[in-house]
PDB file of N, CA and C in Angstrom:
ATOM      1  N   UNK A   1      84.902  94.638 111.525  1.00  0.00           N
ATOM      2  CA  UNK A   1      83.912  95.126 112.210  1.00  0.00           C
ATOM      3  C   UNK A   1      84.532  96.326 113.362  1.00  0.00           C
ATOM      4  N   UNK A   2      83.457  97.079 113.631  1.00  0.00           N
ATOM      5  CA  UNK A   2      83.786  98.194 114.630  1.00  0.00           C
ATOM      6  C   UNK A   2      84.228  97.755 116.062  1.00  0.00           C
ATOM      7  N   UNK A   3      83.699  96.470 116.279  1.00  0.00           N
ATOM      8  CA  UNK A   3      83.935  96.012 117.782  1.00  0.00           C
ATOM      9  C   UNK A   3      85.146  95.320 117.555  1.00  0.00           C
ATOM     10  N   UNK A   4      85.630  94.638 116.426  1.00  0.00           N
ATOM     11  CA  UNK A   4      86.796  94.053 116.234  1.00  0.00           C
ATOM     12  C   UNK A   4      87.925  95.139 116.287  1.00  0.00           C
ATOM     13  N   UNK A   5      87.829  96.178 115.747  1.00  0.00           N
ATOM     14  CA  UNK A   5      88.959  97.280 115.834  1.00  0.00           C
ATOM     15  C   UNK A   5      88.947  97.855 117.274  1.00  0.00           C
ATOM     16  N   UNK A   6      87.702  98.162 117.873  1.00  0.00           N
ATOM     17  CA  UNK A   6      87.842  98.323 119.470  1.00  0.00           C
ATOM     18  C   UNK A   6      88.527  97.431 120.226  1.00  0.00           C
ATOM     19  N   UNK A   7      88.425  96.104 119.996  1.00  0.00           N
ATOM     20  CA  UNK A   7      88.736  94.981 120.822  1.00  0.00           C
ATOM     21  C   UNK A   7      90.337  95.180 120.567  1.00  0.00           C
ATOM     22  N   UNK A   8      90.747  95.298 119.147  1.00  0.00           N
ATOM     23  CA  UNK A   8      92.214  95.142 118.908  1.00  0.00           C
ATOM     24  C   UNK A   8      93.046  96.469 119.700  1.00  0.00           C
ATOM     25  N   UNK A   9      92.307  97.639 119.560  1.00  0.00           N
ATOM     26  CA  UNK A   9      92.935  98.789 120.302  1.00  0.00           C
ATOM     27  C   UNK A   9      93.105  98.620 121.713  1.00  0.00           C
ATOM     28  N   UNK A  10      91.933  98.090 122.312  1.00  0.00           N
ATOM     29  CA  UNK A  10      92.132  97.985 123.672  1.00  0.00           C
ATOM     30  C   UNK A  10      93.206  96.929 123.917  1.00  0.00           C
ATOM     31  N   UNK A  11      93.134  95.927 123.468  1.00  0.00           N
ATOM     32  CA  UNK A  11      94.200  94.762 123.918  1.00  0.00           C
ATOM     33  C   UNK A  11      95.671  95.352 123.634  1.00  0.00           C
ATOM     34  N   UNK A  12      95.699  96.430 122.693  1.00  0.00           N
ATOM     35  CA  UNK A  12      97.186  97.142 122.470  1.00  0.00           C
ATOM     36  C   UNK A  12      97.435  97.982 123.335  1.00  0.00           C
ATOM     37  N   UNK A  13      96.303  98.603 124.475  1.00  0.00           N
ATOM     38  CA  UNK A  13      96.742  99.326 125.355  1.00  0.00           C
ATOM     39  C   UNK A  13      96.136 100.741 125.093  1.00  0.00           C
ATOM     40  N   UNK A  14      95.418 100.896 124.021  1.00  0.00           N
ATOM     41  CA  UNK A  14      94.586 102.104 123.760  1.00  0.00           C
ATOM     42  C   UNK A  14      93.427 102.260 124.587  1.00  0.00           C
ATOM     43  N   UNK A  15      92.919 103.717 124.864  1.00  0.00           N
ATOM     44  CA  UNK A  15      91.699 103.715 125.278  1.00  0.00           C
ATOM     45  C   UNK A  15      90.793 104.193 124.254  1.00  0.00           C
ATOM     46  N   UNK A  16      89.693 103.753 124.216  1.00  0.00           N
ATOM     47  CA  UNK A  16      88.391 104.186 123.017  1.00  0.00           C
ATOM     48  C   UNK A  16      87.687 104.950 123.773  1.00  0.00           C
ATOM     49  N   UNK A  17      87.396 106.105 123.239  1.00  0.00           N
ATOM     50  CA  UNK A  17      86.258 107.006 123.685  1.00  0.00           C
ATOM     51  C   UNK A  17      84.841 106.711 123.412  1.00  0.00           C
ATOM     52  N   UNK A  18      84.595 105.901 122.237  1.00  0.00           N
ATOM     53  CA  UNK A  18      83.418 105.457 121.759  1.00  0.00           C
ATOM     54  C   UNK A  18      83.438 104.932 120.402  1.00  0.00           C
ATOM     55  N   UNK A  19      82.249 104.127 120.082  1.00  0.00           N
ATOM     56  CA  UNK A  19      82.179 103.878 118.615  1.00  0.00           C
ATOM     57  C   UNK A  19      80.747 104.560 118.057  1.00  0.00           C
ATOM     58  N   UNK A  20      80.968 105.160 116.704  1.00  0.00           N
ATOM     59  CA  UNK A  20      79.827 106.257 116.458  1.00  0.00           C
ATOM     60  C   UNK A  20      79.630 105.435 115.118  1.00  0.00           C
ATOM     61  N   UNK A  21      78.284 105.136 114.850  1.00  0.00           N
ATOM     62  CA  UNK A  21      77.638 105.019 113.625  1.00  0.00           C
ATOM     63  C   UNK A  21      77.440 105.829 112.579  1.00  0.00           C
ATOM     64  N   UNK A  22      77.206 107.112 113.271  1.00  0.00           N
ATOM     65  CA  UNK A  22      77.010 108.314 112.322  1.00  0.00           C
ATOM     66  C   UNK A  22      77.690 109.598 112.595  1.00  0.00           C
ATOM     67  N   UNK A  23      77.681 110.457 111.603  1.00  0.00           N
ATOM     68  CA  UNK A  23      78.444 111.758 111.867  1.00  0.00           C
ATOM     69  C   UNK A  23      78.074 112.260 113.193  1.00  0.00           C
ATOM     70  N   UNK A  24      76.803 112.290 113.539  1.00  0.00           N
ATOM     71  CA  UNK A  24      76.463 113.062 114.623  1.00  0.00           C
ATOM     72  C   UNK A  24      76.975 112.423 115.841  1.00  0.00           C
ATOM     73  N   UNK A  25      76.907 111.235 115.830  1.00  0.00           N
ATOM     74  CA  UNK A  25      77.499 110.287 117.087  1.00  0.00           C
ATOM     75  C   UNK A  25      78.806 110.597 117.218  1.00  0.00           C
ATOM     76  N   UNK A  26      79.699 110.517 116.190  1.00  0.00           N
ATOM     77  CA  UNK A  26      81.208 110.898 116.116  1.00  0.00           C
ATOM     78  C   UNK A  26      81.420 112.188 116.629  1.00  0.00           C
ATOM     79  N   UNK A  27      80.798 113.241 116.213  1.00  0.00           N
ATOM     80  CA  UNK A  27      81.097 114.639 116.777  1.00  0.00           C
ATOM     81  C   UNK A  27      80.653 114.915 118.217  1.00  0.00           C
ATOM     82  N   UNK A  28      79.576 113.946 118.591  1.00  0.00           N
ATOM     83  CA  UNK A  28      79.119 113.959 120.113  1.00  0.00           C
ATOM     84  C   UNK A  28      80.316 113.378 120.772  1.00  0.00           C
ATOM     85  N   UNK A  29      80.897 112.233 120.327  1.00  0.00           N
ATOM     86  CA  UNK A  29      81.852 111.435 121.158  1.00  0.00           C
ATOM     87  C   UNK A  29      83.003 112.498 121.387  1.00  0.00           C
ATOM     88  N   UNK A  30      83.316 112.914 120.130  1.00  0.00           N
ATOM     89  CA  UNK A  30      84.598 113.704 120.134  1.00  0.00           C
ATOM     90  C   UNK A  30      84.403 115.166 120.948  1.00  0.00           C
ATOM     91  N   UNK A  31      83.112 115.402 121.052  1.00  0.00           N
ATOM     92  CA  UNK A  31      83.175 116.758 122.091  1.00  0.00           C
ATOM     93  C   UNK A  31      83.298 116.410 123.410  1.00  0.00           C
ATOM     94  N   UNK A  32      82.796 115.067 123.923  1.00  0.00           N
ATOM     95  CA  UNK A  32      82.933 114.648 125.316  1.00  0.00           C
ATOM     96  C   UNK A  32      84.346 114.414 125.878  1.00  0.00           C
ATOM     97  N   UNK A  33      85.296 114.242 124.973  1.00  0.00           N
ATOM     98  CA  UNK A  33      86.568 113.905 125.482  1.00  0.00           C
ATOM     99  C   UNK A  33      87.757 114.221 124.637  1.00  0.00           C
ATOM    100  N   UNK A  34      89.018 114.210 125.225  1.00  0.00           N
ATOM    101  CA  UNK A  34      89.983 114.682 124.238  1.00  0.00           C
ATOM    102  C   UNK A  34      90.246 113.474 123.289  1.00  0.00           C
ATOM    103  N   UNK A  35      90.317 113.557 121.957  1.00  0.00           N
ATOM    104  CA  UNK A  35      90.624 112.465 121.194  1.00  0.00           C
ATOM    105  C   UNK A  35      91.830 112.736 120.540  1.00  0.00           C
ATOM    106  N   UNK A  36      92.872 111.858 120.734  1.00  0.00           N
ATOM    107  CA  UNK A  36      94.222 111.658 120.033  1.00  0.00           C
ATOM    108  C   UNK A  36      94.309 111.268 118.786  1.00  0.00           C
ATOM    109  N   UNK A  37      93.355 110.472 118.345  1.00  0.00           N
ATOM    110  CA  UNK A  37      93.144 109.909 116.867  1.00  0.00           C
ATOM    111  C   UNK A  37      91.938 109.367 116.805  1.00  0.00           C
ATOM    112  N   UNK A  38      91.522 109.175 115.317  1.00  0.00           N
ATOM    113  CA  UNK A  38      90.227 108.989 114.967  1.00  0.00           C
ATOM    114  C   UNK A  38      90.511 107.556 113.891  1.00  0.00           C
ATOM    115  N   UNK A  39      89.594 106.617 114.096  1.00  0.00           N
ATOM    116  CA  UNK A  39      89.630 105.488 113.120  1.00  0.00           C
ATOM    117  C   UNK A  39      88.105 105.703 112.388  1.00  0.00           C
ATOM    118  N   UNK A  40      88.246 106.035 111.172  1.00  0.00           N
ATOM    119  CA  UNK A  40      86.808 106.301 110.609  1.00  0.00           C
ATOM    120  C   UNK A  40      86.691 105.487 109.439  1.00  0.00           C
ATOM    121  N   UNK A  41      85.458 104.939 109.410  1.00  0.00           N
ATOM    122  CA  UNK A  41      84.980 103.891 108.324  1.00  0.00           C
ATOM    123  C   UNK A  41      84.395 105.037 107.065  1.00  0.00           C
ATOM    124  N   UNK A  42      84.910 104.837 105.996  1.00  0.00           N
ATOM    125  CA  UNK A  42      84.413 105.666 104.920  1.00  0.00           C
ATOM    126  C   UNK A  42      82.803 105.595 104.746  1.00  0.00           C
ATOM    127  N   UNK A  43      82.336 104.381 104.972  1.00  0.00           N
ATOM    128  CA  UNK A  43      80.860 104.070 104.628  1.00  0.00           C
ATOM    129  C   UNK A  43      80.390 103.861 106.155  1.00  0.00           C
ATOM    130  N   UNK A  44      79.905 105.212 106.646  1.00  0.00           N
ATOM    131  CA  UNK A  44      79.039 105.161 107.639  1.00  0.00           C
ATOM    132  C   UNK A  44      77.539 104.777 107.468  1.00  0.00           C
ATOM    133  N   UNK A  45      76.835 104.410 108.594  1.00  0.00           N
ATOM    134  CA  UNK A  45      75.465 103.877 108.178  1.00  0.00           C
ATOM    135  C   UNK A  45      74.619 105.058 107.591  1.00  0.00           C
ATOM    136  N   UNK A  46      74.911 106.513 107.802  1.00  0.00           N
ATOM    137  CA  UNK A  46      74.113 107.362 107.197  1.00  0.00           C
ATOM    138  C   UNK A  46      74.864 108.474 106.693  1.00  0.00           C
ATOM    139  N   UNK A  47      74.082 109.447 105.872  1.00  0.00           N
ATOM    140  CA  UNK A  47      74.837 110.484 105.346  1.00  0.00           C
ATOM    141  C   UNK A  47      75.029 111.668 106.587  1.00  0.00           C
ATOM    142  N   UNK A  48      76.054 112.530 106.557  1.00  0.00           N
ATOM    143  CA  UNK A  48      77.042 112.595 105.898  1.00  0.00           C
ATOM    144  C   UNK A  48      77.962 111.198 106.035  1.00  0.00           C
ATOM    145  N   UNK A  49      78.716 110.917 104.931  1.00  0.00           N
ATOM    146  CA  UNK A  49      79.694 109.547 105.021  1.00  0.00           C
ATOM    147  C   UNK A  49      81.055 110.041 106.057  1.00  0.00           C
ATOM    148  N   UNK A  50      81.657 108.951 105.955  1.00  0.00           N
ATOM    149  CA  UNK A  50      83.129 109.137 106.786  1.00  0.00           C
ATOM    150  C   UNK A  50      84.164 110.181 106.362  1.00  0.00           C
ATOM    151  N   UNK A  51      84.150 110.366 105.133  1.00  0.00           N
ATOM    152  CA  UNK A  51      85.146 111.488 104.756  1.00  0.00           C
ATOM    153  C   UNK A  51      84.620 112.831 105.207  1.00  0.00           C
ATOM    154  N   UNK A  52      83.227 113.226 105.036  1.00  0.00           N
ATOM    155  CA  UNK A  52      82.656 114.404 105.631  1.00  0.00           C
ATOM    156  C   UNK A  52      82.844 114.235 107.102  1.00  0.00           C
ATOM    157  N   UNK A  53      82.525 113.295 107.781  1.00  0.00           N
ATOM    158  CA  UNK A  53      82.972 113.066 109.258  1.00  0.00           C
ATOM    159  C   UNK A  53      84.453 113.386 109.717  1.00  0.00           C
ATOM    160  N   UNK A  54      85.303 112.842 109.012  1.00  0.00           N
ATOM    161  CA  UNK A  54      86.579 113.026 109.098  1.00  0.00           C
ATOM    162  C   UNK A  54      86.986 114.779 108.990  1.00  0.00           C
ATOM    163  N   UNK A  55      86.465 115.293 108.126  1.00  0.00           N
ATOM    164  CA  UNK A  55      86.761 116.585 107.919  1.00  0.00           C
ATOM    165  C   UNK A  55      86.405 117.429 108.908  1.00  0.00           C
ATOM    166  N   UNK A  56      85.093 117.143 109.510  1.00  0.00           N
ATOM    167  CA  UNK A  56      84.341 117.716 110.681  1.00  0.00           C
ATOM    168  C   UNK A  56      85.286 117.725 111.848  1.00  0.00           C
ATOM    169  N   UNK A  57      85.759 116.537 112.143  1.00  0.00           N
ATOM    170  CA  UNK A  57      86.769 115.909 113.229  1.00  0.00           C
ATOM    171  C   UNK A  57      87.933 117.039 113.080  1.00  0.00           C
ATOM    172  N   UNK A  58      88.615 117.115 112.043  1.00  0.00           N
ATOM    173  CA  UNK A  58      89.685 118.104 111.824  1.00  0.00           C
ATOM    174  C   UNK A  58      89.499 119.345 111.942  1.00  0.00           C
ATOM    175  N   UNK A  59      88.348 119.942 111.479  1.00  0.00           N
ATOM    176  CA  UNK A  59      87.881 121.481 111.911  1.00  0.00           C
ATOM    177  C   UNK A  59      88.077 121.574 113.449  1.00  0.00           C
ATOM    178  N   UNK A  60      87.765 120.599 114.358  1.00  0.00           N
ATOM    179  CA  UNK A  60      87.948 120.962 115.872  1.00  0.00           C
ATOM    180  C   UNK A  60      89.369 120.737 116.111  1.00  0.00           C
ATOM    181  N   UNK A  61      90.146 120.480 115.257  1.00  0.00           N
ATOM    182  CA  UNK A  61      91.643 120.340 115.657  1.00  0.00           C
ATOM    183  C   UNK A  61      92.477 119.346 114.992  1.00  0.00           C
ATOM    184  N   UNK A  62      93.631 119.441 114.794  1.00  0.00           N
ATOM    185  CA  UNK A  62      94.413 118.348 114.025  1.00  0.00           C
ATOM    186  C   UNK A  62      94.610 117.082 114.851  1.00  0.00           C
ATOM    187  N   UNK A  63      93.877 116.093 114.206  1.00  0.00           N
ATOM    188  CA  UNK A  63      94.189 114.796 114.994  1.00  0.00           C
ATOM    189  C   UNK A  63      94.605 113.816 113.741  1.00  0.00           C
ATOM    190  N   UNK A  64      95.415 112.815 114.326  1.00  0.00           N
ATOM    191  CA  UNK A  64      95.773 111.611 113.173  1.00  0.00           C
ATOM    192  C   UNK A  64      94.329 111.016 112.684  1.00  0.00           C
ATOM    193  N   UNK A  65      94.178 110.628 111.724  1.00  0.00           N
ATOM    194  CA  UNK A  65      92.931 109.760 111.094  1.00  0.00           C
ATOM    195  C   UNK A  65      93.686 108.656 110.394  1.00  0.00           C
ATOM    196  N   UNK A  66      92.659 107.521 110.629  1.00  0.00           N
ATOM    197  CA  UNK A  66      92.873 106.136 109.975  1.00  0.00           C
ATOM    198  C   UNK A  66      91.644 105.727 109.317  1.00  0.00           C
ATOM    199  N   UNK A  67      91.585 105.783 107.902  1.00  0.00           N
ATOM    200  CA  UNK A  67      90.597 105.557 107.159  1.00  0.00           C
ATOM    201  C   UNK A  67      90.646 103.995 107.189  1.00  0.00           C
ATOM    202  N   UNK A  68      89.183 103.389 107.319  1.00  0.00           N
ATOM    203  CA  UNK A  68      89.002 101.932 106.816  1.00  0.00           C
ATOM    204  C   UNK A  68      87.773 102.079 105.873  1.00  0.00           C
ATOM    205  N   UNK A  69      87.972 101.150 104.886  1.00  0.00           N
ATOM    206  CA  UNK A  69      87.106 101.077 103.904  1.00  0.00           C
ATOM    207  C   UNK A  69      87.221  99.770 102.847  1.00  0.00           C
ATOM    208  N   UNK A  70      86.143  99.190 102.567  1.00  0.00           N
ATOM    209  CA  UNK A  70      86.179  98.037 101.586  1.00  0.00           C
ATOM    210  C   UNK A  70      85.957  98.743 100.096  1.00  0.00           C
ATOM    211  N   UNK A  71      85.618  99.988 100.139  1.00  0.00           N
ATOM    212  CA  UNK A  71      85.227 100.768  98.901  1.00  0.00           C
ATOM    213  C   UNK A  71      86.610 101.268  98.233  1.00  0.00           C
ATOM    214  N   UNK A  72      86.602 100.896  96.911  1.00  0.00           N
ATOM    215  CA  UNK A  72      87.796 101.091  96.125  1.00  0.00           C
ATOM    216  C   UNK A  72      87.480 102.200  95.085  1.00  0.00           C
ATOM    217  N   UNK A  73      86.304 102.788  95.019  1.00  0.00           N
ATOM    218  CA  UNK A  73      85.940 103.749  94.188  1.00  0.00           C
ATOM    219  C   UNK A  73      86.849 105.069  94.212  1.00  0.00           C
ATOM    220  N   UNK A  74      87.237 105.341  93.062  1.00  0.00           N
ATOM    221  CA  UNK A  74      88.516 106.363  92.905  1.00  0.00           C
ATOM    222  C   UNK A  74      87.804 107.919  93.502  1.00  0.00           C
ATOM    223  N   UNK A  75      86.698 108.106  93.276  1.00  0.00           N
ATOM    224  CA  UNK A  75      86.252 109.466  93.491  1.00  0.00           C
ATOM    225  C   UNK A  75      86.317 109.491  95.076  1.00  0.00           C
ATOM    226  N   UNK A  76      85.872 108.515  95.875  1.00  0.00           N
ATOM    227  CA  UNK A  76      86.009 108.534  97.409  1.00  0.00           C
ATOM    228  C   UNK A  76      87.203 108.498  97.878  1.00  0.00           C
ATOM    229  N   UNK A  77      88.384 107.839  97.317  1.00  0.00           N
ATOM    230  CA  UNK A  77      89.618 107.925  97.590  1.00  0.00           C
ATOM    231  C   UNK A  77      90.129 109.076  97.552  1.00  0.00           C
ATOM    232  N   UNK A  78      89.941 109.840  96.424  1.00  0.00           N
ATOM    233  CA  UNK A  78      90.260 111.373  96.151  1.00  0.00           C
ATOM    234  C   UNK A  78      89.837 112.154  97.396  1.00  0.00           C
ATOM    235  N   UNK A  79      88.477 111.911  97.449  1.00  0.00           N
ATOM    236  CA  UNK A  79      88.092 112.854  98.508  1.00  0.00           C
ATOM    237  C   UNK A  79      88.562 112.676 100.192  1.00  0.00           C
ATOM    238  N   UNK A  80      88.925 111.403 100.332  1.00  0.00           N
ATOM    239  CA  UNK A  80      89.665 110.965 101.607  1.00  0.00           C
ATOM    240  C   UNK A  80      91.105 111.704 101.718  1.00  0.00           C
ATOM    241  N   UNK A  81      91.655 111.644 100.475  1.00  0.00           N
ATOM    242  CA  UNK A  81      93.109 112.065 100.514  1.00  0.00           C
ATOM    243  C   UNK A  81      93.169 113.542 100.996  1.00  0.00           C
TER     244      UNK A  81
END
């Protein structure tokens, strides 16, 4: 879950800017602080999905991305690449 990932990052000494469940929330969080990296779930709670969210974040500037997903569908994998 997102909370488990957040706890793992915090315990490893990273700062977490926020948890977003939607595209809009992710862009809002990224706009409020400098983001060094993003952990993005391919399956967000609403559309646009995590791949579209990651692309929007990259349009704001190059940042490392880590995708998380339980989805193994080939089309989604190709979009994420």
